[in-house]
Amino acid sequence: MRGMRIRVSDVLDLFAAALSAEEILEEMPDLEADDLRASLLYAT
């Protein structure tokens, strides 16, 4: 993701584990809501 060491698959795994977007952003404060949306779009 945008020059970070966070993989899209890591974000998708958190969604698959039933974490909400807000919880993911708390776990990964370097991410923004747009990053989460981009991850979901990439997966479709």
Protein backbone atom coordinates (compact mmCIF):
# COMPACT_ATOMS: atom_id res chain seq x y z
CA MET A 1 0.00 0.00 0.00
CA ARG A 2 1.31 3.41 -1.01
CA GLY A 3 4.91 2.82 -0.05
CA MET A 4 4.02 1.09 3.22
CA ARG A 5 4.96 -2.36 4.38
CA ILE A 6 1.33 -3.31 4.77
CA ARG A 7 0.04 -5.83 2.27
CA VAL A 8 -3.44 -5.72 0.81
CA SER A 9 -3.80 -9.34 1.90
CA ASP A 10 -3.14 -8.30 5.51
CA VAL A 11 -6.00 -5.81 5.37
CA LEU A 12 -8.29 -8.35 3.70
CA ASP A 13 -7.43 -10.91 6.38
CA LEU A 14 -8.56 -8.45 9.04
CA PHE A 15 -11.85 -7.89 7.23
CA ALA A 16 -12.25 -11.68 6.93
CA ALA A 17 -11.71 -11.95 10.69
CA ALA A 18 -14.80 -9.74 11.09
CA LEU A 19 -12.98 -6.56 12.14
CA SER A 20 -14.75 -3.35 11.22
CA ALA A 21 -13.07 -0.62 9.22
CA GLU A 22 -12.77 1.44 12.39
CA GLU A 23 -11.05 -1.43 14.21
CA ILE A 24 -8.61 -1.93 11.34
CA LEU A 25 -7.76 1.78 11.33
CA GLU A 26 -7.11 1.58 15.07
CA GLU A 27 -4.83 -1.45 14.58
CA MET A 28 -3.02 0.16 11.64
CA PRO A 29 -2.94 3.92 12.25
CA ASP A 30 -0.83 4.55 9.13
CA LEU A 31 -3.80 3.57 6.98
CA GLU A 32 -6.66 5.80 5.94
CA ALA A 33 -10.24 4.91 5.05
CA ASP A 34 -9.37 5.30 1.35
CA ASP A 35 -6.71 2.60 1.75
CA LEU A 36 -9.32 0.19 3.08
CA ARG A 37 -11.66 0.97 0.19
CA ALA A 38 -8.83 0.46 -2.28
CA SER A 39 -8.03 -2.92 -0.72
CA LEU A 40 -11.63 -4.05 -1.10
CA LEU A 41 -11.77 -2.83 -4.70
CA TYR A 42 -8.52 -4.65 -5.48
CA ALA A 43 -10.01 -7.88 -4.14
CA THR A 44 -13.08 -7.73 -6.39
